[in-house]
Amino acid sequence: MYSPKRRGDRHGSISSRQSTNQDSNPLEEKEDNSSEIIKPNFGLSGKLAAESNKYNGVALKYQEPPEGRKPTKRWRLYVFKKEEQVVNATSNGVPSISYPLIDCLHIHRQSAYLLGRDRKVADIPIDHPSCSSQHAVLQFRQMTFTDSETGEQKTDIKPYIIDLESSNSTFVNKKIIPTSRYVELRAYDEIKFGFSSRDYVLLHDELADTEDISEQDTMRTLRKHLDKGTIKVEPPTLSVVSSQAKAIT
């Protein structure tokens, strides 16, 4: 369990117009693929901005790092929900599977978003029983890198995901990510929490404008980008998932 003092957003006010904690120096993991999502009304309330280690009487597990920044790109999380349905008798009882778009979250208004089942503290609630009360944090970080062409030092604000020692893991592109470590996200990355049937796909507005997100095959259109690379993760050091948890759908 983590019990650091909350830092909050040190670089500007955090918007609370949308609705829907960790080692002090977590190691960092880079990732080669990513995804994103868009839409209000999912509880994005800026609760990570609390200045103490408690919010609404709940001890927070995460402390935002000094490099935390609001993103310059207008990132979004597209939420898809897996649905199975037996269409007719000719299907021999085999369900058809679809991934309708059910929500779209704008996630550019804050430097960090806490995801979890505890609605007292979660910026983005995830209600599935396999998810932890404070499951993971989506963190934007200002990072310095060397331009491969010019050799110059540059900075960029990039999205990262960090699992807060959740019971049933966080997945990026169907792979378990290690706990307590930042994993870099990129456009089109697919994120899942526990055994929830919801997929969260990361995009920013410049890319979203090139996709027709109203078509029924939106998920397939986005998934084609997931095969362009793989993320680098350490062998998972996660708690053993119980058979009871595995049975949750």
Foldseek 3Di string as FASTA:
>chain_A
DAFDFAQADPPDDFDQPFAQCFDQDFAAFEWDAAAFFAAGHRYQGRLSRDGGLDFPRHGHRHYAHPQQDQAPFFKKKWKWFWDWDDDDVVVVPGTDIFTATDGMHGDRRGQKFWEACQSRRGSGYDNFPQTHRGFKMWGWGWDWDADPVPRDIDIHTFIWMATSLIQQAKDKLNHGAAHRYTYTHHHLIWIDGGPGRMIITMDTPVVVVVDDSVDRCNVVVSVVRSPPDTTDHDDYPHDDHDPVSVPGD
